[in-house]
Every structure is written in structure tokens, then in C-alpha cells.
């Protein structure tokens, strides 16, 4: 009985920590409300195993696809929505975005995660 409890507990922990390898087609997949269901699970692998700094803008787009278009986005920045939580409202209550900064000659200089809570 003790073994079964330990096995079930281990499976539950593994299910909570779902990560998956970066895959461009799965990364680009959109669900309802323009939410990307796979990005949060792939984020760790993307950041650990894919060197984004030093890429050109064209190389970044070839790897991650088109960026989001936000009206308040800083110049020389590309934003990828990772996850959005709408709670029980039409407006998002939480967003996690990957922001990629470029030099004036369109080379990636910085990559950071931005979390926004409303």
C-alpha cells in the first residue's frame, strides 16, 4: 500500500511539472481567445537550449514566428505571449510575455520574462 501511495504522489508531481521540448509548430499553435496552450510548457527548454541572444530579427522570426503587436511596446522589442489568464472577466488578470530586445542593427541583445497582474 505504501508503494502505491508513493507512486501516485510521484505521478502527481510529474504531472504538475510538465515541460516539453521546444517545437516550432506546437509553439505557434493557438487555442481559444488567442491563447497559446503549449508555450509555457516549452519556455524552459527554449531558454535553456536555444541561444536567442545574437540572433538577427529574421532568425528570431524563423524560430519563434510572428510577434504580438502591443500598442505600448517599446521600440526595438519583440513580444511573445506565453500565457494569459482571464479569470472570470473579459480582461486579462495575468499575462506572462517573453520580451526580446534588439540593437539598432536588429541583433537580439536581451531576453526577459515580463509578468503582468491586473
PDB file of N, CA and C in Angstrom:
ATOM      1  N   UNK A   1       0.816  -1.195   0.000  1.00  0.00           N
ATOM      2  CA  UNK A   1       0.000   0.000   0.000  1.00  0.00           C
ATOM      3  C   UNK A   1       0.864   1.265   0.000  1.00  0.00           C
ATOM      4  N   UNK A   2       1.916   1.251   0.781  1.00  0.00           N
ATOM      5  CA  UNK A   2       2.814   2.397   0.858  1.00  0.00           C
ATOM      6  C   UNK A   2       3.439   2.688  -0.507  1.00  0.00           C
ATOM      7  N   UNK A   3       3.792   1.640  -1.244  1.00  0.00           N
ATOM      8  CA  UNK A   3       4.376   1.792  -2.579  1.00  0.00           C
ATOM      9  C   UNK A   3       3.398   2.480  -3.531  1.00  0.00           C
ATOM     10  N   UNK A   4       2.122   2.106  -3.458  1.00  0.00           N
ATOM     11  CA  UNK A   4       1.104   2.693  -4.333  1.00  0.00           C
ATOM     12  C   UNK A   4       0.945   4.183  -4.036  1.00  0.00           C
ATOM     13  N   UNK A   5       0.930   4.555  -2.770  1.00  0.00           N
ATOM     14  CA  UNK A   5       0.803   5.956  -2.386  1.00  0.00           C
ATOM     15  C   UNK A   5       1.995   6.759  -2.909  1.00  0.00           C
ATOM     16  N   UNK A   6       3.186   6.218  -2.774  1.00  0.00           N
ATOM     17  CA  UNK A   6       4.397   6.897  -3.256  1.00  0.00           C
ATOM     18  C   UNK A   6       4.352   7.028  -4.777  1.00  0.00           C
ATOM     19  N   UNK A   7       3.925   5.983  -5.476  1.00  0.00           N
ATOM     20  CA  UNK A   7       3.839   6.014  -6.934  1.00  0.00           C
ATOM     21  C   UNK A   7       2.838   7.058  -7.413  1.00  0.00           C
ATOM     22  N   UNK A   8       1.678   7.125  -6.778  1.00  0.00           N
ATOM     23  CA  UNK A   8       0.652   8.104  -7.151  1.00  0.00           C
ATOM     24  C   UNK A   8       1.158   9.517  -6.873  1.00  0.00           C
ATOM     25  N   UNK A   9       1.785   9.724  -5.732  1.00  0.00           N
ATOM     26  CA  UNK A   9       2.337  11.034  -5.389  1.00  0.00           C
ATOM     27  C   UNK A   9       3.390  11.469  -6.410  1.00  0.00           C
ATOM     28  N   UNK A  10       4.260  10.565  -6.814  1.00  0.00           N
ATOM     29  CA  UNK A  10       5.295  10.862  -7.801  1.00  0.00           C
ATOM     30  C   UNK A  10       4.673  11.239  -9.138  1.00  0.00           C
ATOM     31  N   UNK A  11       3.654  10.520  -9.560  1.00  0.00           N
ATOM     32  CA  UNK A  11       2.967  10.839 -10.816  1.00  0.00           C
ATOM     33  C   UNK A  11       2.293  12.207 -10.764  1.00  0.00           C
ATOM     34  N   UNK A  12       1.705  12.550  -9.635  1.00  0.00           N
ATOM     35  CA  UNK A  12       1.072  13.850  -9.493  1.00  0.00           C
ATOM     36  C   UNK A  12       2.092  14.980  -9.578  1.00  0.00           C
ATOM     37  N   UNK A  13       3.230  14.804  -8.951  1.00  0.00           N
ATOM     38  CA  UNK A  13       4.290  15.825  -9.009  1.00  0.00           C
ATOM     39  C   UNK A  13       4.797  15.955 -10.444  1.00  0.00           C
ATOM     40  N   UNK A  14       5.014  14.842 -11.119  1.00  0.00           N
ATOM     41  CA  UNK A  14       5.486  14.878 -12.503  1.00  0.00           C
ATOM     42  C   UNK A  14       4.471  15.572 -13.403  1.00  0.00           C
ATOM     43  N   UNK A  15       3.197  15.359 -13.175  1.00  0.00           N
ATOM     44  CA  UNK A  15       2.155  15.990 -13.988  1.00  0.00           C
ATOM     45  C   UNK A  15       2.131  17.497 -13.791  1.00  0.00           C
ATOM     46  N   UNK A  16       2.419  17.964 -12.587  1.00  0.00           N
ATOM     47  CA  UNK A  16       2.432  19.401 -12.307  1.00  0.00           C
ATOM     48  C   UNK A  16       3.618  20.101 -12.956  1.00  0.00           C
ATOM     49  N   UNK A  17       4.717  19.413 -13.101  1.00  0.00           N
ATOM     50  CA  UNK A  17       5.931  19.987 -13.671  1.00  0.00           C
ATOM     51  C   UNK A  17       6.087  19.628 -15.142  1.00  0.00           C
ATOM     52  N   UNK A  18       5.006  19.736 -15.892  1.00  0.00           N
ATOM     53  CA  UNK A  18       5.073  19.365 -17.294  1.00  0.00           C
ATOM     54  C   UNK A  18       5.915  20.365 -18.066  1.00  0.00           C
ATOM     55  N   UNK A  19       6.982  19.879 -18.610  1.00  0.00           N
ATOM     56  CA  UNK A  19       7.771  20.667 -19.544  1.00  0.00           C
ATOM     57  C   UNK A  19       7.911  19.826 -20.792  1.00  0.00           C
ATOM     58  N   UNK A  20       8.112  20.497 -21.894  1.00  0.00           N
ATOM     59  CA  UNK A  20       8.326  19.757 -23.123  1.00  0.00           C
ATOM     60  C   UNK A  20       9.353  20.474 -23.962  1.00  0.00           C
ATOM     61  N   UNK A  21       9.948  19.735 -24.861  1.00  0.00           N
ATOM     62  CA  UNK A  21      10.956  20.308 -25.743  1.00  0.00           C
ATOM     63  C   UNK A  21      10.309  21.331 -26.666  1.00  0.00           C
ATOM     64  N   UNK A  22      11.086  22.357 -26.990  1.00  0.00           N
ATOM     65  CA  UNK A  22      10.604  23.381 -27.908  1.00  0.00           C
ATOM     66  C   UNK A  22      10.338  22.753 -29.271  1.00  0.00           C
ATOM     67  N   UNK A  23       9.189  23.066 -29.822  1.00  0.00           N
ATOM     68  CA  UNK A  23       8.801  22.622 -31.154  1.00  0.00           C
ATOM     69  C   UNK A  23       8.077  23.796 -31.809  1.00  0.00           C
ATOM     70  N   UNK A  24       8.589  24.271 -32.949  1.00  0.00           N
ATOM     71  CA  UNK A  24       8.062  25.482 -33.574  1.00  0.00           C
ATOM     72  C   UNK A  24       6.572  25.373 -33.886  1.00  0.00           C
ATOM     73  N   UNK A  25       6.124  24.248 -34.414  1.00  0.00           N
ATOM     74  CA  UNK A  25       4.714  24.148 -34.782  1.00  0.00           C
ATOM     75  C   UNK A  25       3.822  24.148 -33.535  1.00  0.00           C
ATOM     76  N   UNK A  26       4.239  23.471 -32.468  1.00  0.00           N
ATOM     77  CA  UNK A  26       3.462  23.476 -31.226  1.00  0.00           C
ATOM     78  C   UNK A  26       3.515  24.854 -30.566  1.00  0.00           C
ATOM     79  N   UNK A  27       4.650  25.548 -30.661  1.00  0.00           N
ATOM     80  CA  UNK A  27       4.806  26.893 -30.114  1.00  0.00           C
ATOM     81  C   UNK A  27       3.811  27.845 -30.775  1.00  0.00           C
ATOM     82  N   UNK A  28       3.585  27.683 -32.066  1.00  0.00           N
ATOM     83  CA  UNK A  28       2.725  28.591 -32.829  1.00  0.00           C
ATOM     84  C   UNK A  28       1.235  28.270 -32.717  1.00  0.00           C
ATOM     85  N   UNK A  29       0.903  27.128 -32.164  1.00  0.00           N
ATOM     86  CA  UNK A  29      -0.482  26.680 -32.061  1.00  0.00           C
ATOM     87  C   UNK A  29      -1.296  27.617 -31.168  1.00  0.00           C
ATOM     88  N   UNK A  30      -2.438  28.087 -31.699  1.00  0.00           N
ATOM     89  CA  UNK A  30      -3.316  28.974 -30.934  1.00  0.00           C
ATOM     90  C   UNK A  30      -4.575  28.238 -30.533  1.00  0.00           C
ATOM     91  N   UNK A  31      -5.010  28.500 -29.300  1.00  0.00           N
ATOM     92  CA  UNK A  31      -6.268  27.952 -28.811  1.00  0.00           C
ATOM     93  C   UNK A  31      -7.334  29.026 -28.775  1.00  0.00           C
ATOM     94  N   UNK A  32      -8.371  28.788 -28.000  1.00  0.00           N
ATOM     95  CA  UNK A  32      -9.438  29.768 -27.831  1.00  0.00           C
ATOM     96  C   UNK A  32      -8.886  31.062 -27.252  1.00  0.00           C
ATOM     97  N   UNK A  33      -9.510  32.178 -27.607  1.00  0.00           N
ATOM     98  CA  UNK A  33      -9.135  33.510 -27.117  1.00  0.00           C
ATOM     99  C   UNK A  33      -7.693  33.872 -27.458  1.00  0.00           C
ATOM    100  N   UNK A  34      -7.159  33.288 -28.532  1.00  0.00           N
ATOM    101  CA  UNK A  34      -5.774  33.530 -28.959  1.00  0.00           C
ATOM    102  C   UNK A  34      -4.754  33.193 -27.879  1.00  0.00           C
ATOM    103  N   UNK A  35      -5.049  32.167 -27.096  1.00  0.00           N
ATOM    104  CA  UNK A  35      -4.129  31.694 -26.062  1.00  0.00           C
ATOM    105  C   UNK A  35      -3.272  30.585 -26.650  1.00  0.00           C
ATOM    106  N   UNK A  36      -2.008  30.587 -26.304  1.00  0.00           N
ATOM    107  CA  UNK A  36      -1.062  29.581 -26.789  1.00  0.00           C
ATOM    108  C   UNK A  36      -0.938  28.484 -25.732  1.00  0.00           C
ATOM    109  N   UNK A  37      -1.523  27.317 -25.962  1.00  0.00           N
ATOM    110  CA  UNK A  37      -1.576  26.288 -24.918  1.00  0.00           C
ATOM    111  C   UNK A  37      -0.245  25.591 -24.621  1.00  0.00           C
ATOM    112  N   UNK A  38       0.741  25.713 -25.507  1.00  0.00           N
ATOM    113  CA  UNK A  38       1.992  24.963 -25.328  1.00  0.00           C
ATOM    114  C   UNK A  38       3.183  25.807 -24.889  1.00  0.00           C
ATOM    115  N   UNK A  39       3.102  27.093 -25.024  1.00  0.00           N
ATOM    116  CA  UNK A  39       4.281  27.941 -24.817  1.00  0.00           C
ATOM    117  C   UNK A  39       4.854  27.866 -23.411  1.00  0.00           C
ATOM    118  N   UNK A  40       4.001  27.886 -22.396  1.00  0.00           N
ATOM    119  CA  UNK A  40       4.517  27.875 -21.028  1.00  0.00           C
ATOM    120  C   UNK A  40       5.273  26.581 -20.743  1.00  0.00           C
ATOM    121  N   UNK A  41       4.810  25.467 -21.313  1.00  0.00           N
ATOM    122  CA  UNK A  41       5.480  24.177 -21.112  1.00  0.00           C
ATOM    123  C   UNK A  41       6.814  24.105 -21.849  1.00  0.00           C
ATOM    124  N   UNK A  42       6.968  24.883 -22.926  1.00  0.00           N
ATOM    125  CA  UNK A  42       8.194  24.864 -23.737  1.00  0.00           C
ATOM    126  C   UNK A  42       9.195  25.945 -23.352  1.00  0.00           C
ATOM    127  N   UNK A  43       8.763  26.890 -22.548  1.00  0.00           N
ATOM    128  CA  UNK A  43       9.590  28.056 -22.249  1.00  0.00           C
ATOM    129  C   UNK A  43      10.939  27.687 -21.649  1.00  0.00           C
ATOM    130  N   UNK A  44      10.951  26.800 -20.677  1.00  0.00           N
ATOM    131  CA  UNK A  44      12.201  26.413 -20.027  1.00  0.00           C
ATOM    132  C   UNK A  44      13.186  25.818 -21.036  1.00  0.00           C
ATOM    133  N   UNK A  45      12.709  24.914 -21.884  1.00  0.00           N
ATOM    134  CA  UNK A  45      13.583  24.308 -22.887  1.00  0.00           C
ATOM    135  C   UNK A  45      14.080  25.350 -23.885  1.00  0.00           C
ATOM    136  N   UNK A  46      13.201  26.247 -24.302  1.00  0.00           N
ATOM    137  CA  UNK A  46      13.592  27.302 -25.244  1.00  0.00           C
ATOM    138  C   UNK A  46      14.728  28.143 -24.675  1.00  0.00           C
ATOM    139  N   UNK A  47      14.566  28.591 -23.440  1.00  0.00           N
ATOM    140  CA  UNK A  47      15.563  29.476 -22.842  1.00  0.00           C
ATOM    141  C   UNK A  47      16.861  28.760 -22.487  1.00  0.00           C
ATOM    142  N   UNK A  48      16.778  27.476 -22.147  1.00  0.00           N
ATOM    143  CA  UNK A  48      17.982  26.732 -21.765  1.00  0.00           C
ATOM    144  C   UNK A  48      18.758  26.155 -22.954  1.00  0.00           C
ATOM    145  N   UNK A  49      18.074  25.807 -24.029  1.00  0.00           N
ATOM    146  CA  UNK A  49      18.726  25.072 -25.113  1.00  0.00           C
ATOM    147  C   UNK A  49      18.765  25.786 -26.459  1.00  0.00           C
ATOM    148  N   UNK A  50      18.221  26.977 -26.527  1.00  0.00           N
ATOM    149  CA  UNK A  50      18.230  27.737 -27.780  1.00  0.00           C
ATOM    150  C   UNK A  50      18.803  29.115 -27.495  1.00  0.00           C
ATOM    151  N   UNK A  51      19.923  29.413 -28.082  1.00  0.00           N
ATOM    152  CA  UNK A  51      20.590  30.690 -27.856  1.00  0.00           C
ATOM    153  C   UNK A  51      19.876  31.769 -28.659  1.00  0.00           C
ATOM    154  N   UNK A  52      19.134  32.635 -27.975  1.00  0.00           N
ATOM    155  CA  UNK A  52      18.411  33.697 -28.657  1.00  0.00           C
ATOM    156  C   UNK A  52      19.273  34.948 -28.829  1.00  0.00           C
ATOM    157  N   UNK A  53      20.077  35.251 -27.808  1.00  0.00           N
ATOM    158  CA  UNK A  53      20.958  36.418 -27.917  1.00  0.00           C
ATOM    159  C   UNK A  53      21.916  36.210 -29.083  1.00  0.00           C
ATOM    160  N   UNK A  54      22.051  37.249 -29.893  1.00  0.00           N
ATOM    161  CA  UNK A  54      22.937  37.175 -31.048  1.00  0.00           C
ATOM    162  C   UNK A  54      22.210  36.852 -32.344  1.00  0.00           C
ATOM    163  N   UNK A  55      20.963  36.377 -32.247  1.00  0.00           N
ATOM    164  CA  UNK A  55      20.190  36.111 -33.465  1.00  0.00           C
ATOM    165  C   UNK A  55      19.800  37.429 -34.122  1.00  0.00           C
ATOM    166  N   UNK A  56      19.609  37.397 -35.422  1.00  0.00           N
ATOM    167  CA  UNK A  56      19.050  38.552 -36.110  1.00  0.00           C
ATOM    168  C   UNK A  56      17.531  38.504 -35.967  1.00  0.00           C
ATOM    169  N   UNK A  57      16.881  39.613 -36.291  1.00  0.00           N
ATOM    170  CA  UNK A  57      15.423  39.656 -36.232  1.00  0.00           C
ATOM    171  C   UNK A  57      14.835  38.565 -37.128  1.00  0.00           C
ATOM    172  N   UNK A  58      15.367  38.403 -38.335  1.00  0.00           N
ATOM    173  CA  UNK A  58      14.863  37.384 -39.265  1.00  0.00           C
ATOM    174  C   UNK A  58      15.038  35.974 -38.698  1.00  0.00           C
ATOM    175  N   UNK A  59      16.168  35.711 -38.056  1.00  0.00           N
ATOM    176  CA  UNK A  59      16.400  34.393 -37.462  1.00  0.00           C
ATOM    177  C   UNK A  59      15.430  34.134 -36.315  1.00  0.00           C
ATOM    178  N   UNK A  60      15.141  35.164 -35.515  1.00  0.00           N
ATOM    179  CA  UNK A  60      14.196  35.026 -34.415  1.00  0.00           C
ATOM    180  C   UNK A  60      12.801  34.694 -34.953  1.00  0.00           C
ATOM    181  N   UNK A  61      12.375  35.414 -35.971  1.00  0.00           N
ATOM    182  CA  UNK A  61      11.058  35.172 -36.564  1.00  0.00           C
ATOM    183  C   UNK A  61      11.007  33.772 -37.183  1.00  0.00           C
ATOM    184  N   UNK A  62      12.095  33.334 -37.791  1.00  0.00           N
ATOM    185  CA  UNK A  62      12.134  31.984 -38.360  1.00  0.00           C
ATOM    186  C   UNK A  62      12.002  30.922 -37.262  1.00  0.00           C
ATOM    187  N   UNK A  63      12.548  31.199 -36.088  1.00  0.00           N
ATOM    188  CA  UNK A  63      12.490  30.242 -34.981  1.00  0.00           C
ATOM    189  C   UNK A  63      11.155  30.295 -34.241  1.00  0.00           C
ATOM    190  N   UNK A  64      10.692  31.501 -33.871  1.00  0.00           N
ATOM    191  CA  UNK A  64       9.524  31.640 -32.998  1.00  0.00           C
ATOM    192  C   UNK A  64       8.255  32.111 -33.698  1.00  0.00           C
ATOM    193  N   UNK A  65       8.348  32.523 -34.950  1.00  0.00           N
ATOM    194  CA  UNK A  65       7.165  33.011 -35.657  1.00  0.00           C
ATOM    195  C   UNK A  65       6.930  34.486 -35.385  1.00  0.00           C
ATOM    196  N   UNK A  66       5.794  34.969 -35.895  1.00  0.00           N
ATOM    197  CA  UNK A  66       5.452  36.385 -35.749  1.00  0.00           C
ATOM    198  C   UNK A  66       5.268  36.762 -34.291  1.00  0.00           C
ATOM    199  N   UNK A  67       5.534  38.025 -34.003  1.00  0.00           N
ATOM    200  CA  UNK A  67       5.425  38.542 -32.642  1.00  0.00           C
ATOM    201  C   UNK A  67       4.019  39.090 -32.404  1.00  0.00           C
ATOM    202  N   UNK A  68       3.721  39.356 -31.136  1.00  0.00           N
ATOM    203  CA  UNK A  68       2.464  40.018 -30.790  1.00  0.00           C
ATOM    204  C   UNK A  68       2.640  41.497 -31.111  1.00  0.00           C
ATOM    205  N   UNK A  69       1.577  42.175 -31.360  1.00  0.00           N
ATOM    206  CA  UNK A  69       1.625  43.616 -31.636  1.00  0.00           C
ATOM    207  C   UNK A  69       0.884  44.339 -30.520  1.00  0.00           C
ATOM    208  N   UNK A  70       1.646  44.939 -29.601  1.00  0.00           N
ATOM    209  CA  UNK A  70       1.058  45.675 -28.490  1.00  0.00           C
ATOM    210  C   UNK A  70       1.294  47.162 -28.694  1.00  0.00           C
ATOM    211  N   UNK A  71       0.292  47.976 -28.431  1.00  0.00           N
ATOM    212  CA  UNK A  71       0.408  49.417 -28.664  1.00  0.00           C
ATOM    213  C   UNK A  71       1.413  50.081 -27.726  1.00  0.00           C
ATOM    214  N   UNK A  72       1.631  49.502 -26.536  1.00  0.00           N
ATOM    215  CA  UNK A  72       2.552  50.115 -25.577  1.00  0.00           C
ATOM    216  C   UNK A  72       3.951  49.482 -25.615  1.00  0.00           C
ATOM    217  N   UNK A  73       4.222  48.714 -26.654  1.00  0.00           N
ATOM    218  CA  UNK A  73       5.514  48.027 -26.770  1.00  0.00           C
ATOM    219  C   UNK A  73       6.645  49.028 -27.023  1.00  0.00           C
ATOM    220  N   UNK A  74       7.752  48.797 -26.372  1.00  0.00           N
ATOM    221  CA  UNK A  74       8.921  49.652 -26.542  1.00  0.00           C
ATOM    222  C   UNK A  74       9.524  49.452 -27.934  1.00  0.00           C
ATOM    223  N   UNK A  75      10.194  50.466 -28.477  1.00  0.00           N
ATOM    224  CA  UNK A  75      10.868  50.296 -29.767  1.00  0.00           C
ATOM    225  C   UNK A  75      11.960  49.228 -29.668  1.00  0.00           C
ATOM    226  N   UNK A  76      12.260  48.594 -30.774  1.00  0.00           N
ATOM    227  CA  UNK A  76      13.284  47.545 -30.858  1.00  0.00           C
ATOM    228  C   UNK A  76      12.995  46.385 -29.905  1.00  0.00           C
ATOM    229  N   UNK A  77      11.719  46.059 -29.743  1.00  0.00           N
ATOM    230  CA  UNK A  77      11.302  44.965 -28.871  1.00  0.00           C
ATOM    231  C   UNK A  77      10.299  44.080 -29.600  1.00  0.00           C
ATOM    232  N   UNK A  78      10.479  42.783 -29.459  1.00  0.00           N
ATOM    233  CA  UNK A  78       9.513  41.805 -29.967  1.00  0.00           C
ATOM    234  C   UNK A  78       8.923  41.098 -28.757  1.00  0.00           C
ATOM    235  N   UNK A  79       7.613  40.929 -28.742  1.00  0.00           N
ATOM    236  CA  UNK A  79       6.935  40.323 -27.602  1.00  0.00           C
ATOM    237  C   UNK A  79       6.192  39.067 -28.036  1.00  0.00           C
ATOM    238  N   UNK A  80       6.372  38.007 -27.246  1.00  0.00           N
ATOM    239  CA  UNK A  80       5.660  36.749 -27.457  1.00  0.00           C
ATOM    240  C   UNK A  80       4.842  36.456 -26.208  1.00  0.00           C
ATOM    241  N   UNK A  81       3.533  36.313 -26.382  1.00  0.00           N
ATOM    242  CA  UNK A  81       2.680  35.970 -25.256  1.00  0.00           C
ATOM    243  C   UNK A  81       2.928  34.513 -24.893  1.00  0.00           C
ATOM    244  N   UNK A  82       3.202  34.260 -23.629  1.00  0.00           N
ATOM    245  CA  UNK A  82       3.426  32.897 -23.143  1.00  0.00           C
ATOM    246  C   UNK A  82       2.133  32.339 -22.567  1.00  0.00           C
ATOM    247  N   UNK A  83       1.512  33.099 -21.678  1.00  0.00           N
ATOM    248  CA  UNK A  83       0.254  32.650 -21.097  1.00  0.00           C
ATOM    249  C   UNK A  83      -0.587  33.855 -20.700  1.00  0.00           C
ATOM    250  N   UNK A  84      -1.888  33.690 -20.787  1.00  0.00           N
ATOM    251  CA  UNK A  84      -2.838  34.720 -20.380  1.00  0.00           C
ATOM    252  C   UNK A  84      -3.939  34.057 -19.579  1.00  0.00           C
ATOM    253  N   UNK A  85      -4.262  34.655 -18.430  1.00  0.00           N
ATOM    254  CA  UNK A  85      -5.350  34.154 -17.596  1.00  0.00           C
ATOM    255  C   UNK A  85      -6.414  35.246 -17.525  1.00  0.00           C
ATOM    256  N   UNK A  86      -7.617  34.910 -17.972  1.00  0.00           N
ATOM    257  CA  UNK A  86      -8.712  35.875 -17.971  1.00  0.00           C
ATOM    258  C   UNK A  86      -9.533  35.826 -16.689  1.00  0.00           C
ATOM    259  N   UNK A  87      -9.255  34.876 -15.831  1.00  0.00           N
ATOM    260  CA  UNK A  87     -10.054  34.766 -14.614  1.00  0.00           C
ATOM    261  C   UNK A  87     -11.509  34.581 -14.986  1.00  0.00           C
ATOM    262  N   UNK A  88     -12.368  35.419 -14.434  1.00  0.00           N
ATOM    263  CA  UNK A  88     -13.805  35.352 -14.736  1.00  0.00           C
ATOM    264  C   UNK A  88     -14.265  36.602 -15.466  1.00  0.00           C
ATOM    265  N   UNK A  89     -13.342  37.284 -16.126  1.00  0.00           N
ATOM    266  CA  UNK A  89     -13.643  38.561 -16.757  1.00  0.00           C
ATOM    267  C   UNK A  89     -13.217  38.522 -18.220  1.00  0.00           C
ATOM    268  N   UNK A  90     -13.589  39.540 -18.968  1.00  0.00           N
ATOM    269  CA  UNK A  90     -13.191  39.646 -20.366  1.00  0.00           C
ATOM    270  C   UNK A  90     -11.764  40.194 -20.482  1.00  0.00           C
ATOM    271  N   UNK A  91     -11.310  40.910 -19.450  1.00  0.00           N
ATOM    272  CA  UNK A  91      -9.964  41.469 -19.444  1.00  0.00           C
ATOM    273  C   UNK A  91      -9.012  40.518 -18.723  1.00  0.00           C
ATOM    274  N   UNK A  92      -7.782  40.418 -19.223  1.00  0.00           N
ATOM    275  CA  UNK A  92      -6.820  39.524 -18.561  1.00  0.00           C
ATOM    276  C   UNK A  92      -6.499  39.972 -17.140  1.00  0.00           C
ATOM    277  N   UNK A  93      -6.373  38.999 -16.237  1.00  0.00           N
ATOM    278  CA  UNK A  93      -5.946  39.296 -14.871  1.00  0.00           C
ATOM    279  C   UNK A  93      -4.461  38.981 -14.691  1.00  0.00           C
ATOM    280  N   UNK A  94      -3.902  38.194 -15.611  1.00  0.00           N
ATOM    281  CA  UNK A  94      -2.481  37.822 -15.540  1.00  0.00           C
ATOM    282  C   UNK A  94      -1.973  37.539 -16.954  1.00  0.00           C
ATOM    283  N   UNK A  95      -0.775  38.029 -17.241  1.00  0.00           N
ATOM    284  CA  UNK A  95      -0.110  37.735 -18.512  1.00  0.00           C
ATOM    285  C   UNK A  95       1.370  37.493 -18.256  1.00  0.00           C
ATOM    286  N   UNK A  96       1.923  36.530 -18.978  1.00  0.00           N
ATOM    287  CA  UNK A  96       3.372  36.317 -18.968  1.00  0.00           C
ATOM    288  C   UNK A  96       3.826  36.430 -20.418  1.00  0.00           C
ATOM    289  N   UNK A  97       4.766  37.340 -20.660  1.00  0.00           N
ATOM    290  CA  UNK A  97       5.281  37.577 -22.002  1.00  0.00           C
ATOM    291  C   UNK A  97       6.795  37.387 -22.039  1.00  0.00           C
ATOM    292  N   UNK A  98       7.281  36.942 -23.172  1.00  0.00           N
ATOM    293  CA  UNK A  98       8.710  36.885 -23.444  1.00  0.00           C
ATOM    294  C   UNK A  98       9.037  38.117 -24.272  1.00  0.00           C
ATOM    295  N   UNK A  99       9.883  38.992 -23.726  1.00  0.00           N
ATOM    296  CA  UNK A  99      10.276  40.203 -24.442  1.00  0.00           C
ATOM    297  C   UNK A  99      11.698  40.058 -24.941  1.00  0.00           C
ATOM    298  N   UNK A 100      11.866  40.322 -26.220  1.00  0.00           N
ATOM    299  CA  UNK A 100      13.168  40.202 -26.872  1.00  0.00           C
ATOM    300  C   UNK A 100      13.575  41.594 -27.339  1.00  0.00           C
ATOM    301  N   UNK A 101      14.727  42.050 -26.873  1.00  0.00           N
ATOM    302  CA  UNK A 101      15.229  43.390 -27.208  1.00  0.00           C
ATOM    303  C   UNK A 101      16.283  43.284 -28.317  1.00  0.00           C
ATOM    304  N   UNK A 102      16.276  44.277 -29.212  1.00  0.00           N
ATOM    305  CA  UNK A 102      17.192  44.308 -30.350  1.00  0.00           C
ATOM    306  C   UNK A 102      18.066  45.549 -30.326  1.00  0.00           C
ATOM    307  N   UNK A 103      19.254  45.409 -30.878  1.00  0.00           N
ATOM    308  CA  UNK A 103      20.119  46.569 -31.086  1.00  0.00           C
ATOM    309  C   UNK A 103      19.593  47.316 -32.318  1.00  0.00           C
ATOM    310  N   UNK A 104      20.187  48.458 -32.617  1.00  0.00           N
ATOM    311  CA  UNK A 104      19.757  49.251 -33.778  1.00  0.00           C
ATOM    312  C   UNK A 104      19.992  48.518 -35.100  1.00  0.00           C
ATOM    313  N   UNK A 105      20.881  47.521 -35.100  1.00  0.00           N
ATOM    314  CA  UNK A 105      21.105  46.740 -36.321  1.00  0.00           C
ATOM    315  C   UNK A 105      20.386  45.381 -36.284  1.00  0.00           C
ATOM    316  N   UNK A 106      19.310  45.298 -35.483  1.00  0.00           N
ATOM    317  CA  UNK A 106      18.399  44.145 -35.437  1.00  0.00           C
ATOM    318  C   UNK A 106      19.030  42.840 -34.958  1.00  0.00           C
ATOM    319  N   UNK A 107      19.922  42.938 -33.974  1.00  0.00           N
ATOM    320  CA  UNK A 107      20.520  41.763 -33.337  1.00  0.00           C
ATOM    321  C   UNK A 107      19.942  41.651 -31.921  1.00  0.00           C
ATOM    322  N   UNK A 108      19.539  40.448 -31.523  1.00  0.00           N
ATOM    323  CA  UNK A 108      18.979  40.253 -30.181  1.00  0.00           C
ATOM    324  C   UNK A 108      20.060  40.534 -29.142  1.00  0.00           C
ATOM    325  N   UNK A 109      19.736  41.457 -28.219  1.00  0.00           N
ATOM    326  CA  UNK A 109      20.685  41.827 -27.167  1.00  0.00           C
ATOM    327  C   UNK A 109      20.239  41.356 -25.785  1.00  0.00           C
ATOM    328  N   UNK A 110      18.928  41.144 -25.598  1.00  0.00           N
ATOM    329  CA  UNK A 110      18.433  40.759 -24.289  1.00  0.00           C
ATOM    330  C   UNK A 110      17.111  40.025 -24.437  1.00  0.00           C
ATOM    331  N   UNK A 111      16.882  39.100 -23.514  1.00  0.00           N
ATOM    332  CA  UNK A 111      15.641  38.332 -23.473  1.00  0.00           C
ATOM    333  C   UNK A 111      15.183  38.306 -22.020  1.00  0.00           C
ATOM    334  N   UNK A 112      13.921  38.686 -21.787  1.00  0.00           N
ATOM    335  CA  UNK A 112      13.426  38.659 -20.417  1.00  0.00           C
ATOM    336  C   UNK A 112      11.944  38.314 -20.376  1.00  0.00           C
ATOM    337  N   UNK A 113      11.539  37.765 -19.233  1.00  0.00           N
ATOM    338  CA  UNK A 113      10.138  37.458 -18.995  1.00  0.00           C
ATOM    339  C   UNK A 113       9.490  38.617 -18.253  1.00  0.00           C
ATOM    340  N   UNK A 114       8.296  38.994 -18.677  1.00  0.00           N
ATOM    341  CA  UNK A 114       7.536  40.040 -18.004  1.00  0.00           C
ATOM    342  C   UNK A 114       6.223  39.439 -17.562  1.00  0.00           C
ATOM    343  N   UNK A 115       5.922  39.582 -16.289  1.00  0.00           N
ATOM    344  CA  UNK A 115       4.645  39.137 -15.752  1.00  0.00           C
ATOM    345  C   UNK A 115       3.829  40.348 -15.359  1.00  0.00           C
ATOM    346  N   UNK A 116       2.579  40.370 -15.787  1.00  0.00           N
ATOM    347  CA  UNK A 116       1.692  41.493 -15.545  1.00  0.00           C
ATOM    348  C   UNK A 116       0.449  40.970 -14.836  1.00  0.00           C
ATOM    349  N   UNK A 117       0.166  41.561 -13.681  1.00  0.00           N
ATOM    350  CA  UNK A 117      -1.043  41.208 -12.918  1.00  0.00           C
ATOM    351  C   UNK A 117      -1.939  42.444 -12.831  1.00  0.00           C
ATOM    352  N   UNK A 118      -3.209  42.233 -13.078  1.00  0.00           N
ATOM    353  CA  UNK A 118      -4.181  43.344 -13.000  1.00  0.00           C
ATOM    354  C   UNK A 118      -5.112  43.117 -11.858  1.00  0.00           C
TER     355      UNK A 118
END
